[in-house]
Full PDB file with SEQRES, HELIX, SHEET, SSBOND, CRYST1, ORIGX, SCALE, CONECT and MASTER records, all heavy atoms in Angstrom:
SEQRES   1 A   38  CYS GLY SER ASN SER LYS GLN PHE PRO LYS GLY THR SER          
SEQRES   2 A   38  SER ILE SER PHE HIS ALA ALA LYS ALA CYS THR LEU THR          
SEQRES   3 A   38  PHE SER VAL PRO ASN CYS PHE ALA GLY ASN PRO ALA              
HELIX    1 AA1 PRO A   30  CYS A   32  5                                   3    
CRYST1    1.000    1.000    1.000  90.00  90.00  90.00 P 1           1          
ORIGX1      1.000000  0.000000  0.000000        0.00000                         
ORIGX2      0.000000  1.000000  0.000000        0.00000                         
ORIGX3      0.000000  0.000000  1.000000        0.00000                         
SCALE1      1.000000  0.000000  0.000000        0.00000                         
SCALE2      0.000000  1.000000  0.000000        0.00000                         
SCALE3      0.000000  0.000000  1.000000        0.00000                         
ATOM      1  N   CYS A   1      85.357  87.018  86.783  1.00  0.00           N  
ATOM      2  CA  CYS A   1      86.462  86.946  87.770  1.00  0.00           C  
ATOM      3  C   CYS A   1      87.716  86.522  87.097  1.00  0.00           C  
ATOM      4  O   CYS A   1      88.704  85.931  87.780  1.00  0.00           O  
ATOM      5  CB  CYS A   1      86.083  85.904  88.823  1.00  0.00           C  
ATOM      6  SG  CYS A   1      85.110  86.607  90.179  1.00  0.00           S  
ATOM      7  N   GLY A   2      87.894  86.728  85.859  1.00  0.00           N  
ATOM      8  CA  GLY A   2      89.172  86.531  85.160  1.00  0.00           C  
ATOM      9  C   GLY A   2      90.043  87.726  85.252  1.00  0.00           C  
ATOM     10  O   GLY A   2      89.664  88.914  85.423  1.00  0.00           O  
ATOM     11  N   SER A   3      91.440  87.528  85.266  1.00  0.00           N  
ATOM     12  CA  SER A   3      92.431  88.517  85.360  1.00  0.00           C  
ATOM     13  C   SER A   3      93.607  88.167  84.659  1.00  0.00           C  
ATOM     14  O   SER A   3      93.586  87.335  83.797  1.00  0.00           O  
ATOM     15  CB  SER A   3      92.632  88.906  86.846  1.00  0.00           C  
ATOM     16  OG  SER A   3      93.475  90.029  86.942  1.00  0.00           O  
ATOM     17  N   ASN A   4      94.756  88.680  85.067  1.00  0.00           N  
ATOM     18  CA  ASN A   4      95.991  88.225  84.590  1.00  0.00           C  
ATOM     19  C   ASN A   4      97.059  88.362  85.662  1.00  0.00           C  
ATOM     20  O   ASN A   4      96.861  89.130  86.601  1.00  0.00           O  
ATOM     21  CB  ASN A   4      96.409  89.018  83.331  1.00  0.00           C  
ATOM     22  CG  ASN A   4      96.710  90.444  83.717  1.00  0.00           C  
ATOM     23  OD1 ASN A   4      95.854  91.167  84.413  1.00  0.00           O  
ATOM     24  ND2 ASN A   4      97.736  91.110  83.209  1.00  0.00           N  
ATOM     25  N   SER A   5      98.060  87.494  85.588  1.00  0.00           N  
ATOM     26  CA  SER A   5      99.128  87.675  86.424  1.00  0.00           C  
ATOM     27  C   SER A   5     100.013  88.884  86.010  1.00  0.00           C  
ATOM     28  O   SER A   5     100.024  89.294  84.883  1.00  0.00           O  
ATOM     29  CB  SER A   5     100.073  86.463  86.493  1.00  0.00           C  
ATOM     30  OG  SER A   5      99.340  85.318  86.941  1.00  0.00           O  
ATOM     31  N   LYS A   6     100.699  89.556  86.975  1.00  0.00           N  
ATOM     32  CA  LYS A   6     101.379  90.787  86.648  1.00  0.00           C  
ATOM     33  C   LYS A   6     102.587  90.924  87.491  1.00  0.00           C  
ATOM     34  O   LYS A   6     102.551  90.630  88.668  1.00  0.00           O  
ATOM     35  CB  LYS A   6     100.510  92.000  86.902  1.00  0.00           C  
ATOM     36  CG  LYS A   6     101.014  93.324  86.259  1.00  0.00           C  
ATOM     37  CD  LYS A   6      99.960  94.250  85.991  1.00  0.00           C  
ATOM     38  CE  LYS A   6     100.582  95.467  85.338  1.00  0.00           C  
ATOM     39  NZ  LYS A   6      99.699  96.579  85.080  1.00  0.00           N  
ATOM     40  N   GLN A   7     103.673  91.484  86.839  1.00  0.00           N  
ATOM     41  CA  GLN A   7     104.950  91.762  87.451  1.00  0.00           C  
ATOM     42  C   GLN A   7     105.017  93.256  87.599  1.00  0.00           C  
ATOM     43  O   GLN A   7     104.791  94.015  86.684  1.00  0.00           O  
ATOM     44  CB  GLN A   7     106.106  91.187  86.815  1.00  0.00           C  
ATOM     45  CG  GLN A   7     107.394  91.435  87.462  1.00  0.00           C  
ATOM     46  CD  GLN A   7     108.633  90.853  86.777  1.00  0.00           C  
ATOM     47  OE1 GLN A   7     109.208  91.491  85.894  1.00  0.00           O  
ATOM     48  NE2 GLN A   7     108.897  89.617  87.102  1.00  0.00           N  
ATOM     49  N   PHE A   8     105.475  93.848  88.848  1.00  0.00           N  
ATOM     50  CA  PHE A   8     105.673  95.140  89.158  1.00  0.00           C  
ATOM     51  C   PHE A   8     107.146  95.397  89.389  1.00  0.00           C  
ATOM     52  O   PHE A   8     107.855  94.663  89.870  1.00  0.00           O  
ATOM     53  CB  PHE A   8     104.856  95.575  90.270  1.00  0.00           C  
ATOM     54  CG  PHE A   8     103.350  95.546  89.968  1.00  0.00           C  
ATOM     55  CD1 PHE A   8     102.635  94.367  90.360  1.00  0.00           C  
ATOM     56  CD2 PHE A   8     102.584  96.630  89.539  1.00  0.00           C  
ATOM     57  CE1 PHE A   8     101.196  94.338  90.049  1.00  0.00           C  
ATOM     58  CE2 PHE A   8     101.229  96.519  89.173  1.00  0.00           C  
ATOM     59  CZ  PHE A   8     100.556  95.388  89.416  1.00  0.00           C  
ATOM     60  N   PRO A   9     107.515  96.696  89.191  1.00  0.00           N  
ATOM     61  CA  PRO A   9     108.922  97.007  89.523  1.00  0.00           C  
ATOM     62  C   PRO A   9     109.161  96.908  91.071  1.00  0.00           C  
ATOM     63  O   PRO A   9     108.110  97.194  91.813  1.00  0.00           O  
ATOM     64  CB  PRO A   9     109.065  98.477  89.076  1.00  0.00           C  
ATOM     65  CG  PRO A   9     107.969  98.832  88.240  1.00  0.00           C  
ATOM     66  CD  PRO A   9     106.834  97.798  88.606  1.00  0.00           C  
ATOM     67  N   LYS A  10     110.346  96.577  91.529  1.00  0.00           N  
ATOM     68  CA  LYS A  10     110.670  96.595  92.930  1.00  0.00           C  
ATOM     69  C   LYS A  10     110.483  98.064  93.378  1.00  0.00           C  
ATOM     70  O   LYS A  10     110.750  98.974  92.745  1.00  0.00           O  
ATOM     71  CB  LYS A  10     112.101  96.098  93.172  1.00  0.00           C  
ATOM     72  CG  LYS A  10     112.218  94.647  93.032  1.00  0.00           C  
ATOM     73  CD  LYS A  10     113.511  94.155  93.455  1.00  0.00           C  
ATOM     74  CE  LYS A  10     113.476  92.551  93.217  1.00  0.00           C  
ATOM     75  NZ  LYS A  10     114.625  91.941  93.741  1.00  0.00           N  
ATOM     76  N   GLY A  11     109.995  98.189  94.657  1.00  0.00           N  
ATOM     77  CA  GLY A  11     109.695  99.564  95.165  1.00  0.00           C  
ATOM     78  C   GLY A  11     108.451 100.208  94.754  1.00  0.00           C  
ATOM     79  O   GLY A  11     108.237 101.271  94.978  1.00  0.00           O  
ATOM     80  N   THR A  12     107.567  99.387  94.187  1.00  0.00           N  
ATOM     81  CA  THR A  12     106.147  99.912  93.790  1.00  0.00           C  
ATOM     82  C   THR A  12     105.494 100.334  94.987  1.00  0.00           C  
ATOM     83  O   THR A  12     105.508  99.611  95.993  1.00  0.00           O  
ATOM     84  CB  THR A  12     105.349  98.875  92.978  1.00  0.00           C  
ATOM     85  OG1 THR A  12     106.018  98.521  91.826  1.00  0.00           O  
ATOM     86  CG2 THR A  12     103.976  99.255  92.752  1.00  0.00           C  
ATOM     87  N   SER A  13     104.851 101.581  95.071  1.00  0.00           N  
ATOM     88  CA  SER A  13     104.300 102.080  96.232  1.00  0.00           C  
ATOM     89  C   SER A  13     102.803 101.573  96.473  1.00  0.00           C  
ATOM     90  O   SER A  13     102.485 101.498  97.665  1.00  0.00           O  
ATOM     91  CB  SER A  13     104.280 103.573  96.332  1.00  0.00           C  
ATOM     92  OG  SER A  13     103.650 104.129  95.207  1.00  0.00           O  
ATOM     93  N   SER A  14     102.097 101.391  95.400  1.00  0.00           N  
ATOM     94  CA  SER A  14     100.713 100.813  95.514  1.00  0.00           C  
ATOM     95  C   SER A  14     100.325 100.158  94.370  1.00  0.00           C  
ATOM     96  O   SER A  14     100.830 100.256  93.212  1.00  0.00           O  
ATOM     97  CB  SER A  14      99.714 101.974  95.796  1.00  0.00           C  
ATOM     98  OG  SER A  14      99.587 102.866  94.702  1.00  0.00           O  
ATOM     99  N   ILE A  15      99.252  99.311  94.506  1.00  0.00           N  
ATOM    100  CA  ILE A  15      98.666  98.545  93.465  1.00  0.00           C  
ATOM    101  C   ILE A  15      97.185  98.726  93.353  1.00  0.00           C  
ATOM    102  O   ILE A  15      96.525  98.558  94.522  1.00  0.00           O  
ATOM    103  CB  ILE A  15      99.093  96.982  93.437  1.00  0.00           C  
ATOM    104  CG1 ILE A  15     100.526  96.889  93.360  1.00  0.00           C  
ATOM    105  CG2 ILE A  15      98.316  96.192  92.347  1.00  0.00           C  
ATOM    106  CD1 ILE A  15     101.059  95.363  93.514  1.00  0.00           C  
ATOM    107  N   SER A  16      96.602  99.069  92.372  1.00  0.00           N  
ATOM    108  CA  SER A  16      95.119  99.404  92.285  1.00  0.00           C  
ATOM    109  C   SER A  16      94.415  98.177  91.586  1.00  0.00           C  
ATOM    110  O   SER A  16      95.022  97.510  90.656  1.00  0.00           O  
ATOM    111  CB  SER A  16      94.793 100.672  91.647  1.00  0.00           C  
ATOM    112  OG  SER A  16      95.293 100.670  90.357  1.00  0.00           O  
ATOM    113  N   PHE A  17      93.284  97.837  92.061  1.00  0.00           N  
ATOM    114  CA  PHE A  17      92.431  96.727  91.555  1.00  0.00           C  
ATOM    115  C   PHE A  17      91.112  97.295  91.105  1.00  0.00           C  
ATOM    116  O   PHE A  17      90.490  98.172  91.804  1.00  0.00           O  
ATOM    117  CB  PHE A  17      92.201  95.665  92.665  1.00  0.00           C  
ATOM    118  CG  PHE A  17      93.485  95.089  93.187  1.00  0.00           C  
ATOM    119  CD1 PHE A  17      94.182  95.739  94.225  1.00  0.00           C  
ATOM    120  CD2 PHE A  17      93.901  93.853  92.644  1.00  0.00           C  
ATOM    121  CE1 PHE A  17      95.284  95.115  94.732  1.00  0.00           C  
ATOM    122  CE2 PHE A  17      95.046  93.225  93.164  1.00  0.00           C  
ATOM    123  CZ  PHE A  17      95.837  93.894  94.212  1.00  0.00           C  
ATOM    124  N   HIS A  18      90.607  96.860  89.971  1.00  0.00           N  
ATOM    125  CA  HIS A  18      89.305  97.289  89.497  1.00  0.00           C  
ATOM    126  C   HIS A  18      88.511  95.951  89.057  1.00  0.00           C  
ATOM    127  O   HIS A  18      88.985  95.053  88.488  1.00  0.00           O  
ATOM    128  CB  HIS A  18      89.400  98.127  88.239  1.00  0.00           C  
ATOM    129  CG  HIS A  18      87.949  98.498  87.746  1.00  0.00           C  
ATOM    130  ND1 HIS A  18      87.346  97.785  86.767  1.00  0.00           N  
ATOM    131  CD2 HIS A  18      87.203  99.497  88.101  1.00  0.00           C  
ATOM    132  CE1 HIS A  18      86.214  98.335  86.468  1.00  0.00           C  
ATOM    133  NE2 HIS A  18      86.040  99.444  87.311  1.00  0.00           N  
ATOM    134  N   ALA A  19      87.240  95.923  89.534  1.00  0.00           N  
ATOM    135  CA  ALA A  19      86.371  94.829  89.273  1.00  0.00           C  
ATOM    136  C   ALA A  19      85.177  95.263  88.486  1.00  0.00           C  
ATOM    137  O   ALA A  19      84.448  96.155  88.841  1.00  0.00           O  
ATOM    138  CB  ALA A  19      85.791  94.227  90.566  1.00  0.00           C  
ATOM    139  N   ALA A  20      84.879  94.530  87.405  1.00  0.00           N  
ATOM    140  CA  ALA A  20      83.706  94.758  86.556  1.00  0.00           C  
ATOM    141  C   ALA A  20      82.490  94.321  87.273  1.00  0.00           C  
ATOM    142  O   ALA A  20      81.450  94.944  87.201  1.00  0.00           O  
ATOM    143  CB  ALA A  20      83.861  93.992  85.285  1.00  0.00           C  
ATOM    144  N   LYS A  21      82.518  93.200  88.041  1.00  0.00           N  
ATOM    145  CA  LYS A  21      81.420  92.677  88.841  1.00  0.00           C  
ATOM    146  C   LYS A  21      81.945  92.553  90.246  1.00  0.00           C  
ATOM    147  O   LYS A  21      83.079  92.438  90.545  1.00  0.00           O  
ATOM    148  CB  LYS A  21      80.973  91.330  88.399  1.00  0.00           C  
ATOM    149  CG  LYS A  21      80.437  91.349  86.921  1.00  0.00           C  
ATOM    150  CD  LYS A  21      78.941  91.807  86.905  1.00  0.00           C  
ATOM    151  CE  LYS A  21      78.417  91.554  85.540  1.00  0.00           C  
ATOM    152  NZ  LYS A  21      77.087  91.993  85.449  1.00  0.00           N  
ATOM    153  N   ALA A  22      80.953  92.626  91.308  1.00  0.00           N  
ATOM    154  CA  ALA A  22      81.329  92.538  92.710  1.00  0.00           C  
ATOM    155  C   ALA A  22      82.035  91.118  92.905  1.00  0.00           C  
ATOM    156  O   ALA A  22      81.649  90.136  92.365  1.00  0.00           O  
ATOM    157  CB  ALA A  22      80.161  92.568  93.493  1.00  0.00           C  
ATOM    158  N   CYS A  23      83.125  91.201  93.669  1.00  0.00           N  
ATOM    159  CA  CYS A  23      83.901  89.988  93.989  1.00  0.00           C  
ATOM    160  C   CYS A  23      84.703  90.358  95.185  1.00  0.00           C  
ATOM    161  O   CYS A  23      84.842  91.408  95.608  1.00  0.00           O  
ATOM    162  CB  CYS A  23      84.779  89.521  92.819  1.00  0.00           C  
ATOM    163  SG  CYS A  23      86.095  90.716  92.373  1.00  0.00           S  
ATOM    164  N   THR A  24      85.405  89.256  95.650  1.00  0.00           N  
ATOM    165  CA  THR A  24      86.367  89.389  96.737  1.00  0.00           C  
ATOM    166  C   THR A  24      87.672  88.833  96.327  1.00  0.00           C  
ATOM    167  O   THR A  24      87.720  87.621  95.825  1.00  0.00           O  
ATOM    168  CB  THR A  24      85.814  88.642  98.019  1.00  0.00           C  
ATOM    169  OG1 THR A  24      84.601  89.335  98.403  1.00  0.00           O  
ATOM    170  CG2 THR A  24      86.782  88.811  99.167  1.00  0.00           C  
ATOM    171  N   LEU A  25      88.772  89.475  96.535  1.00  0.00           N  
ATOM    172  CA  LEU A  25      90.112  88.925  96.256  1.00  0.00           C  
ATOM    173  C   LEU A  25      90.700  88.381  97.536  1.00  0.00           C  
ATOM    174  O   LEU A  25      90.682  89.070  98.534  1.00  0.00           O  
ATOM    175  CB  LEU A  25      90.947  90.084  95.703  1.00  0.00           C  
ATOM    176  CG  LEU A  25      90.481  90.807  94.574  1.00  0.00           C  
ATOM    177  CD1 LEU A  25      91.493  91.805  93.986  1.00  0.00           C  
ATOM    178  CD2 LEU A  25      90.054  89.926  93.326  1.00  0.00           C  
ATOM    179  N   THR A  26      91.190  87.201  97.505  1.00  0.00           N  
ATOM    180  CA  THR A  26      91.815  86.621  98.681  1.00  0.00           C  
ATOM    181  C   THR A  26      93.320  86.476  98.349  1.00  0.00           C  
ATOM    182  O   THR A  26      93.721  86.012  97.333  1.00  0.00           O  
ATOM    183  CB  THR A  26      91.213  85.276  98.974  1.00  0.00           C  
ATOM    184  OG1 THR A  26      89.829  85.389  99.234  1.00  0.00           O  
ATOM    185  CG2 THR A  26      91.919  84.600 100.265  1.00  0.00           C  
ATOM    186  N   PHE A  27      94.215  87.008  99.290  1.00  0.00           N  
ATOM    187  CA  PHE A  27      95.658  87.026  99.040  1.00  0.00           C  
ATOM    188  C   PHE A  27      96.361  85.855  99.775  1.00  0.00           C  
ATOM    189  O   PHE A  27      95.983  85.472 100.845  1.00  0.00           O  
ATOM    190  CB  PHE A  27      96.239  88.324  99.487  1.00  0.00           C  
ATOM    191  CG  PHE A  27      95.720  89.510  98.834  1.00  0.00           C  
ATOM    192  CD1 PHE A  27      94.773  90.401  99.486  1.00  0.00           C  
ATOM    193  CD2 PHE A  27      96.036  89.845  97.470  1.00  0.00           C  
ATOM    194  CE1 PHE A  27      94.266  91.500  98.818  1.00  0.00           C  
ATOM    195  CE2 PHE A  27      95.470  90.881  96.884  1.00  0.00           C  
ATOM    196  CZ  PHE A  27      94.545  91.750  97.494  1.00  0.00           C  
ATOM    197  N   SER A  28      97.244  85.266  99.161  1.00  0.00           N  
ATOM    198  CA  SER A  28      98.060  84.157  99.793  1.00  0.00           C  
ATOM    199  C   SER A  28      99.114  84.671 100.803  1.00  0.00           C  
ATOM    200  O   SER A  28      99.410  84.027 101.648  1.00  0.00           O  
ATOM    201  CB  SER A  28      98.726  83.314  98.726  1.00  0.00           C  
ATOM    202  OG  SER A  28      99.755  84.085  98.080  1.00  0.00           O  
ATOM    203  N   VAL A  29      99.726  85.907 100.541  1.00  0.00           N  
ATOM    204  CA  VAL A  29     100.571  86.561 101.411  1.00  0.00           C  
ATOM    205  C   VAL A  29     100.064  87.964 101.783  1.00  0.00           C  
ATOM    206  O   VAL A  29     100.399  88.849 101.074  1.00  0.00           O  
ATOM    207  CB  VAL A  29     101.994  86.589 100.776  1.00  0.00           C  
ATOM    208  CG1 VAL A  29     103.069  87.148 101.657  1.00  0.00           C  
ATOM    209  CG2 VAL A  29     102.484  85.143 100.316  1.00  0.00           C  
ATOM    210  N   PRO A  30      99.265  88.059 102.866  1.00  0.00           N  
ATOM    211  CA  PRO A  30      98.754  89.325 103.150  1.00  0.00           C  
ATOM    212  C   PRO A  30      99.692  90.366 103.469  1.00  0.00           C  
ATOM    213  O   PRO A  30      99.510  91.614 103.333  1.00  0.00           O  
ATOM    214  CB  PRO A  30      97.736  89.040 104.308  1.00  0.00           C  
ATOM    215  CG  PRO A  30      97.825  87.624 104.573  1.00  0.00           C  
ATOM    216  CD  PRO A  30      98.778  86.923 103.645  1.00  0.00           C  
ATOM    217  N   ASN A  31     100.906  90.037 104.073  1.00  0.00           N  
ATOM    218  CA  ASN A  31     101.865  91.005 104.515  1.00  0.00           C  
ATOM    219  C   ASN A  31     102.507  91.711 103.366  1.00  0.00           C  
ATOM    220  O   ASN A  31     103.412  92.648 103.539  1.00  0.00           O  
ATOM    221  CB  ASN A  31     102.830  90.487 105.499  1.00  0.00           C  
ATOM    222  CG  ASN A  31     103.802  89.488 104.924  1.00  0.00           C  
ATOM    223  OD1 ASN A  31     103.647  88.964 103.821  1.00  0.00           O  
ATOM    224  ND2 ASN A  31     104.801  89.030 105.647  1.00  0.00           N  
ATOM    225  N   CYS A  32     102.217  91.399 102.137  1.00  0.00           N  
ATOM    226  CA  CYS A  32     102.697  92.175 100.948  1.00  0.00           C  
ATOM    227  C   CYS A  32     102.110  93.598 101.063  1.00  0.00           C  
ATOM    228  O   CYS A  32     102.768  94.583 100.581  1.00  0.00           O  
ATOM    229  CB  CYS A  32     102.275  91.548  99.687  1.00  0.00           C  
ATOM    230  SG  CYS A  32     102.649  92.323  98.224  1.00  0.00           S  
ATOM    231  N   PHE A  33     100.994  93.726 101.642  1.00  0.00           N  
ATOM    232  CA  PHE A  33     100.235  95.036 101.616  1.00  0.00           C  
ATOM    233  C   PHE A  33     100.234  95.579 103.054  1.00  0.00           C  
ATOM    234  O   PHE A  33     100.068  94.835 104.056  1.00  0.00           O  
ATOM    235  CB  PHE A  33      98.829  94.859 101.095  1.00  0.00           C  
ATOM    236  CG  PHE A  33      98.854  94.373  99.644  1.00  0.00           C  
ATOM    237  CD1 PHE A  33      98.481  93.156  99.348  1.00  0.00           C  
ATOM    238  CD2 PHE A  33      99.280  95.253  98.609  1.00  0.00           C  
ATOM    239  CE1 PHE A  33      98.441  92.752  97.999  1.00  0.00           C  
ATOM    240  CE2 PHE A  33      99.282  94.902  97.320  1.00  0.00           C  
ATOM    241  CZ  PHE A  33      98.880  93.596  96.991  1.00  0.00           C  
ATOM    242  N   ALA A  34     100.208  96.907 103.176  1.00  0.00           N  
ATOM    243  CA  ALA A  34     100.113  97.520 104.429  1.00  0.00           C  
ATOM    244  C   ALA A  34      98.786  97.183 105.176  1.00  0.00           C  
ATOM    245  O   ALA A  34      97.756  97.134 104.511  1.00  0.00           O  
ATOM    246  CB  ALA A  34     100.179  99.113 104.269  1.00  0.00           C  
ATOM    247  N   GLY A  35      98.806  96.904 106.424  1.00  0.00           N  
ATOM    248  CA  GLY A  35      97.557  96.446 107.145  1.00  0.00           C  
ATOM    249  C   GLY A  35      97.396  94.968 107.052  1.00  0.00           C  
ATOM    250  O   GLY A  35      96.442  94.467 107.696  1.00  0.00           O  
ATOM    251  N   ASN A  36      98.174  94.265 106.349  1.00  0.00           N  
ATOM    252  CA  ASN A  36      98.120  92.809 106.180  1.00  0.00           C  
ATOM    253  C   ASN A  36      96.638  92.325 105.840  1.00  0.00           C  
ATOM    254  O   ASN A  36      96.136  91.418 106.473  1.00  0.00           O  
ATOM    255  CB  ASN A  36      98.515  92.087 107.496  1.00  0.00           C  
ATOM    256  CG  ASN A  36      99.992  92.525 107.745  1.00  0.00           C  
ATOM    257  OD1 ASN A  36     100.780  92.655 106.932  1.00  0.00           O  
ATOM    258  ND2 ASN A  36     100.220  92.572 109.099  1.00  0.00           N  
ATOM    259  N   PRO A  37      95.965  92.853 104.805  1.00  0.00           N  
ATOM    260  CA  PRO A  37      94.688  92.395 104.458  1.00  0.00           C  
ATOM    261  C   PRO A  37      94.702  90.902 103.820  1.00  0.00           C  
ATOM    262  O   PRO A  37      95.507  90.676 103.020  1.00  0.00           O  
ATOM    263  CB  PRO A  37      94.185  93.385 103.351  1.00  0.00           C  
ATOM    264  CG  PRO A  37      95.470  93.854 102.796  1.00  0.00           C  
ATOM    265  CD  PRO A  37      96.556  93.834 103.828  1.00  0.00           C  
ATOM    266  N   ALA A  38      93.883  90.126 104.382  1.00  0.00           N  
ATOM    267  CA  ALA A  38      93.791  88.670 103.846  1.00  0.00           C  
ATOM    268  C   ALA A  38      92.917  88.736 102.645  1.00  0.00           C  
ATOM    269  O   ALA A  38      93.068  87.872 101.781  1.00  0.00           O  
ATOM    270  CB  ALA A  38      93.230  87.768 104.975  1.00  0.00           C  
TER     271      ALA A  38                                                      
MASTER        0    0    0    1    0    0    0    6  270    1    0    3          
END                                                                             
């Protein structure tokens, strides 16, 4: 469950996530993404 912090350009259209092992990511600000996933 280790990762890294990352900065993206303004206007980025999507962000992809890949997990080596099954896990769940919990977001502090869900409205950053379409559909507001928590």
